[in-house]
N, C-alpha and C. Protein backbone atom coordinates (compact mmCIF):
# COMPACT_ATOMS: atom_id res chain seq x y z
N MET A 1 -3.96 6.29 -14.23
CA MET A 1 -4.28 4.98 -14.76
C MET A 1 -5.38 5.14 -15.81
N THR A 2 -5.21 4.49 -16.93
CA THR A 2 -6.20 4.60 -17.99
C THR A 2 -7.30 3.57 -17.78
N THR A 3 -8.47 3.91 -18.27
CA THR A 3 -9.60 3.00 -18.17
C THR A 3 -10.18 2.77 -19.55
N ALA A 4 -10.85 1.65 -19.67
CA ALA A 4 -11.54 1.32 -20.92
C ALA A 4 -12.98 0.99 -20.58
N ALA A 5 -13.89 1.31 -21.48
CA ALA A 5 -15.29 0.95 -21.31
C ALA A 5 -15.49 -0.42 -21.93
N ILE A 6 -15.96 -1.36 -21.12
CA ILE A 6 -16.21 -2.70 -21.64
C ILE A 6 -17.67 -3.05 -21.42
N ASP A 7 -18.16 -3.97 -22.21
CA ASP A 7 -19.55 -4.41 -22.12
C ASP A 7 -19.61 -5.74 -21.36
N ILE A 8 -20.50 -5.80 -20.37
CA ILE A 8 -20.78 -7.04 -19.65
C ILE A 8 -22.29 -7.21 -19.57
N VAL A 9 -22.73 -8.41 -19.27
CA VAL A 9 -24.16 -8.68 -19.13
C VAL A 9 -24.39 -9.28 -17.75
N ILE A 10 -25.27 -8.65 -16.97
CA ILE A 10 -25.65 -9.12 -15.63
C ILE A 10 -27.17 -9.19 -15.60
N LEU A 11 -27.70 -10.29 -15.09
CA LEU A 11 -29.14 -10.50 -15.03
C LEU A 11 -29.81 -10.29 -16.38
N GLY A 12 -29.07 -10.67 -17.43
CA GLY A 12 -29.61 -10.56 -18.77
C GLY A 12 -29.63 -9.16 -19.35
N ARG A 13 -29.06 -8.20 -18.60
CA ARG A 13 -29.04 -6.81 -19.08
C ARG A 13 -27.62 -6.38 -19.39
N PRO A 14 -27.43 -5.72 -20.53
CA PRO A 14 -26.08 -5.26 -20.86
C PRO A 14 -25.71 -4.00 -20.08
N TYR A 15 -24.45 -3.93 -19.68
CA TYR A 15 -23.91 -2.75 -18.99
C TYR A 15 -22.59 -2.39 -19.61
N LYS A 16 -22.34 -1.10 -19.72
CA LYS A 16 -21.04 -0.60 -20.14
C LYS A 16 -20.35 -0.14 -18.86
N VAL A 17 -19.18 -0.72 -18.57
CA VAL A 17 -18.51 -0.48 -17.31
C VAL A 17 -17.11 0.03 -17.57
N ALA A 18 -16.71 1.07 -16.81
CA ALA A 18 -15.34 1.55 -16.89
C ALA A 18 -14.45 0.56 -16.14
N CYS A 19 -13.34 0.22 -16.75
CA CYS A 19 -12.46 -0.79 -16.19
C CYS A 19 -11.01 -0.35 -16.37
N PRO A 20 -10.18 -0.48 -15.32
CA PRO A 20 -8.76 -0.13 -15.49
C PRO A 20 -8.13 -0.96 -16.59
N ALA A 21 -7.25 -0.34 -17.35
CA ALA A 21 -6.56 -1.04 -18.43
C ALA A 21 -5.85 -2.26 -17.87
N GLY A 22 -5.99 -3.37 -18.56
CA GLY A 22 -5.36 -4.61 -18.16
C GLY A 22 -6.21 -5.46 -17.23
N GLN A 23 -7.34 -4.94 -16.78
CA GLN A 23 -8.21 -5.68 -15.85
C GLN A 23 -9.49 -6.16 -16.52
N GLU A 24 -9.57 -6.03 -17.83
CA GLU A 24 -10.79 -6.40 -18.54
C GLU A 24 -11.15 -7.87 -18.34
N GLU A 25 -10.17 -8.74 -18.46
CA GLU A 25 -10.44 -10.17 -18.33
C GLU A 25 -10.92 -10.51 -16.92
N ALA A 26 -10.34 -9.89 -15.90
CA ALA A 26 -10.77 -10.13 -14.52
C ALA A 26 -12.21 -9.67 -14.32
N LEU A 27 -12.57 -8.54 -14.92
CA LEU A 27 -13.95 -8.06 -14.79
C LEU A 27 -14.92 -9.00 -15.49
N HIS A 28 -14.53 -9.51 -16.64
CA HIS A 28 -15.39 -10.48 -17.34
C HIS A 28 -15.56 -11.75 -16.50
N ARG A 29 -14.49 -12.21 -15.85
CA ARG A 29 -14.60 -13.38 -14.98
C ARG A 29 -15.52 -13.10 -13.79
N ALA A 30 -15.42 -11.89 -13.24
CA ALA A 30 -16.29 -11.51 -12.12
C ALA A 30 -17.75 -11.50 -12.57
N ALA A 31 -18.01 -10.97 -13.75
CA ALA A 31 -19.38 -10.95 -14.29
C ALA A 31 -19.88 -12.37 -14.51
N ASP A 32 -19.02 -13.24 -15.02
CA ASP A 32 -19.41 -14.65 -15.22
C ASP A 32 -19.72 -15.31 -13.88
N MET A 33 -18.90 -15.03 -12.86
CA MET A 33 -19.13 -15.59 -11.53
C MET A 33 -20.46 -15.12 -10.96
N LEU A 34 -20.75 -13.83 -11.12
CA LEU A 34 -22.01 -13.29 -10.63
C LEU A 34 -23.19 -13.92 -11.36
N ASN A 35 -23.09 -14.04 -12.66
CA ASN A 35 -24.17 -14.67 -13.42
C ASN A 35 -24.38 -16.12 -13.00
N GLU A 36 -23.30 -16.82 -12.68
CA GLU A 36 -23.41 -18.21 -12.21
C GLU A 36 -24.09 -18.26 -10.85
N ARG A 37 -23.75 -17.33 -9.96
CA ARG A 37 -24.40 -17.29 -8.65
C ARG A 37 -25.89 -16.97 -8.80
N ILE A 38 -26.21 -16.09 -9.72
CA ILE A 38 -27.62 -15.76 -9.97
C ILE A 38 -28.35 -17.01 -10.46
N ARG A 39 -27.73 -17.73 -11.39
CA ARG A 39 -28.35 -18.95 -11.93
C ARG A 39 -28.62 -19.95 -10.81
N LYS A 40 -27.61 -20.17 -9.94
CA LYS A 40 -27.78 -21.13 -8.84
C LYS A 40 -28.85 -20.66 -7.87
N PHE A 41 -28.90 -19.35 -7.59
CA PHE A 41 -29.91 -18.81 -6.69
C PHE A 41 -31.30 -19.07 -7.24
N ARG A 42 -31.46 -18.83 -8.53
CA ARG A 42 -32.77 -19.05 -9.17
C ARG A 42 -33.13 -20.52 -9.19
N GLU A 43 -32.14 -21.39 -9.42
CA GLU A 43 -32.39 -22.84 -9.46
C GLU A 43 -32.76 -23.39 -8.08
N SER A 44 -32.38 -22.67 -7.03
CA SER A 44 -32.68 -23.15 -5.68
C SER A 44 -34.17 -23.07 -5.38
N GLY A 45 -34.93 -22.47 -6.31
CA GLY A 45 -36.38 -22.41 -6.15
C GLY A 45 -36.86 -21.17 -5.44
N LYS A 46 -35.94 -20.31 -5.05
CA LYS A 46 -36.34 -19.08 -4.37
C LYS A 46 -36.84 -18.09 -5.42
N SER A 47 -38.07 -17.72 -5.28
CA SER A 47 -38.65 -16.76 -6.20
C SER A 47 -38.36 -15.36 -5.69
N ALA A 48 -37.70 -14.58 -6.50
CA ALA A 48 -37.33 -13.23 -6.08
C ALA A 48 -37.17 -12.34 -7.30
N SER A 49 -37.32 -11.06 -7.06
CA SER A 49 -37.11 -10.09 -8.13
C SER A 49 -35.60 -9.95 -8.37
N ASN A 50 -35.25 -9.36 -9.49
CA ASN A 50 -33.84 -9.13 -9.79
C ASN A 50 -33.18 -8.30 -8.70
N GLU A 51 -33.91 -7.31 -8.17
CA GLU A 51 -33.35 -6.47 -7.11
C GLU A 51 -33.07 -7.30 -5.85
N GLN A 52 -34.00 -8.15 -5.47
CA GLN A 52 -33.79 -9.00 -4.29
C GLN A 52 -32.62 -9.95 -4.50
N ILE A 53 -32.53 -10.51 -5.69
CA ILE A 53 -31.41 -11.41 -5.99
C ILE A 53 -30.09 -10.65 -5.88
N ALA A 54 -30.04 -9.47 -6.47
CA ALA A 54 -28.81 -8.67 -6.43
C ALA A 54 -28.42 -8.34 -5.00
N ILE A 55 -29.39 -7.98 -4.18
CA ILE A 55 -29.10 -7.63 -2.78
C ILE A 55 -28.62 -8.86 -2.01
N MET A 56 -29.27 -9.99 -2.18
CA MET A 56 -28.87 -11.20 -1.47
C MET A 56 -27.46 -11.64 -1.89
N LEU A 57 -27.18 -11.60 -3.17
CA LEU A 57 -25.86 -11.99 -3.64
C LEU A 57 -24.79 -11.00 -3.18
N ALA A 58 -25.11 -9.72 -3.18
CA ALA A 58 -24.16 -8.72 -2.68
C ALA A 58 -23.88 -8.95 -1.20
N LEU A 59 -24.91 -9.25 -0.44
CA LEU A 59 -24.74 -9.54 0.98
C LEU A 59 -23.86 -10.79 1.17
N ASN A 60 -24.10 -11.82 0.37
CA ASN A 60 -23.28 -13.03 0.46
C ASN A 60 -21.82 -12.74 0.14
N VAL A 61 -21.57 -11.96 -0.89
CA VAL A 61 -20.20 -11.63 -1.27
C VAL A 61 -19.52 -10.81 -0.17
N CYS A 62 -20.24 -9.86 0.40
CA CYS A 62 -19.67 -9.06 1.49
C CYS A 62 -19.35 -9.92 2.69
N HIS A 63 -20.22 -10.87 3.00
CA HIS A 63 -19.97 -11.79 4.11
C HIS A 63 -18.72 -12.62 3.84
N GLU A 64 -18.60 -13.16 2.63
CA GLU A 64 -17.42 -13.94 2.27
C GLU A 64 -16.16 -13.09 2.37
N LEU A 65 -16.24 -11.84 1.95
CA LEU A 65 -15.10 -10.93 2.04
C LEU A 65 -14.69 -10.72 3.49
N GLU A 66 -15.65 -10.52 4.36
CA GLU A 66 -15.34 -10.34 5.78
C GLU A 66 -14.69 -11.58 6.37
N LEU A 67 -15.17 -12.77 5.99
CA LEU A 67 -14.55 -14.01 6.46
C LEU A 67 -13.10 -14.12 5.99
N GLU A 68 -12.86 -13.74 4.74
CA GLU A 68 -11.49 -13.78 4.21
C GLU A 68 -10.60 -12.76 4.91
N LYS A 69 -11.13 -11.58 5.22
CA LYS A 69 -10.36 -10.58 5.96
C LYS A 69 -9.98 -11.11 7.33
N ASP A 70 -10.93 -11.76 8.00
CA ASP A 70 -10.65 -12.34 9.31
C ASP A 70 -9.56 -13.40 9.21
N LYS A 71 -9.63 -14.26 8.20
CA LYS A 71 -8.60 -15.28 8.02
C LYS A 71 -7.24 -14.64 7.78
N ASN A 72 -7.21 -13.57 6.97
CA ASN A 72 -5.94 -12.89 6.69
C ASN A 72 -5.36 -12.27 7.95
N HIS A 73 -6.23 -11.68 8.79
CA HIS A 73 -5.75 -11.09 10.04
C HIS A 73 -5.20 -12.18 10.96
N GLN A 74 -5.88 -13.30 11.04
CA GLN A 74 -5.41 -14.41 11.87
C GLN A 74 -4.07 -14.93 11.36
N TYR A 75 -3.94 -15.04 10.06
CA TYR A 75 -2.68 -15.51 9.47
C TYR A 75 -1.56 -14.52 9.76
N ALA A 76 -1.85 -13.22 9.58
CA ALA A 76 -0.83 -12.20 9.84
C ALA A 76 -0.42 -12.22 11.31
N ASP A 77 -1.37 -12.38 12.22
CA ASP A 77 -1.05 -12.45 13.64
C ASP A 77 -0.18 -13.67 13.95
N ALA A 78 -0.51 -14.81 13.35
CA ALA A 78 0.27 -16.02 13.57
C ALA A 78 1.70 -15.85 13.03
N MET A 79 1.82 -15.23 11.87
CA MET A 79 3.16 -15.00 11.30
C MET A 79 3.95 -14.01 12.16
N ASP A 80 3.28 -13.01 12.70
CA ASP A 80 3.94 -12.04 13.58
C ASP A 80 4.47 -12.75 14.83
N ARG A 81 3.66 -13.64 15.40
CA ARG A 81 4.11 -14.40 16.58
C ARG A 81 5.31 -15.28 16.24
N ARG A 82 5.27 -15.93 15.08
CA ARG A 82 6.39 -16.79 14.68
C ARG A 82 7.67 -15.98 14.47
N ILE A 83 7.54 -14.83 13.83
CA ILE A 83 8.71 -13.98 13.59
C ILE A 83 9.30 -13.53 14.92
N LYS A 84 8.45 -13.12 15.85
CA LYS A 84 8.95 -12.70 17.17
C LYS A 84 9.64 -13.86 17.89
N MET A 85 9.07 -15.06 17.77
CA MET A 85 9.68 -16.22 18.39
C MET A 85 11.05 -16.51 17.77
N LEU A 86 11.14 -16.41 16.43
CA LEU A 86 12.41 -16.63 15.75
C LEU A 86 13.43 -15.56 16.13
N GLN A 87 13.00 -14.31 16.23
CA GLN A 87 13.91 -13.24 16.64
C GLN A 87 14.44 -13.51 18.03
N HIS A 88 13.56 -13.93 18.91
CA HIS A 88 13.96 -14.24 20.29
C HIS A 88 14.97 -15.39 20.31
N THR A 89 14.71 -16.43 19.52
CA THR A 89 15.61 -17.58 19.45
C THR A 89 16.97 -17.17 18.91
N ILE A 90 16.98 -16.34 17.87
CA ILE A 90 18.24 -15.86 17.30
C ILE A 90 19.00 -15.01 18.31
N GLU A 91 18.29 -14.12 18.98
CA GLU A 91 18.93 -13.28 19.99
C GLU A 91 19.54 -14.12 21.11
N GLU A 92 18.82 -15.16 21.55
CA GLU A 92 19.35 -16.04 22.59
C GLU A 92 20.59 -16.79 22.10
N ALA A 93 20.53 -17.27 20.84
CA ALA A 93 21.68 -17.98 20.28
C ALA A 93 22.89 -17.07 20.17
N LEU A 94 22.68 -15.83 19.73
CA LEU A 94 23.79 -14.88 19.62
C LEU A 94 24.33 -14.53 20.99
N ALA A 95 23.47 -14.36 21.97
CA ALA A 95 23.90 -14.02 23.32
C ALA A 95 24.71 -15.15 23.93
N SER A 96 24.33 -16.39 23.65
CA SER A 96 25.08 -17.52 24.22
C SER A 96 26.43 -17.68 23.53
N LYS A 97 26.56 -17.27 22.27
CA LYS A 97 27.85 -17.30 21.55
C LYS A 97 28.82 -16.26 22.12
N VAL A 98 28.26 -15.12 22.52
CA VAL A 98 29.09 -14.04 23.04
C VAL A 98 29.65 -14.42 24.40
N ASN A 99 28.85 -15.10 25.21
CA ASN A 99 29.29 -15.48 26.57
C ASN A 99 30.21 -16.62 26.48
């Protein structure tokens, strides 16, 4: 997979980041989202260094990711139960047709 170096700005500092080809726009959106979260964090009145802000926001994002993973696992488990129930119903219907 090819990568391209793109420029983004986080916490007012420019960074050159390697990005898979075709994902440049998604990376720019992610940088915009991060900058917006930083702005909101600063507006909340919490005085913190850039490092503290970055750590708190990273922790928040990781927590959100874990919550989404849990939701996905719950959804997959529910779908697995439904599929098994449907298979059982189909098997019962086929068995009653044979008899």
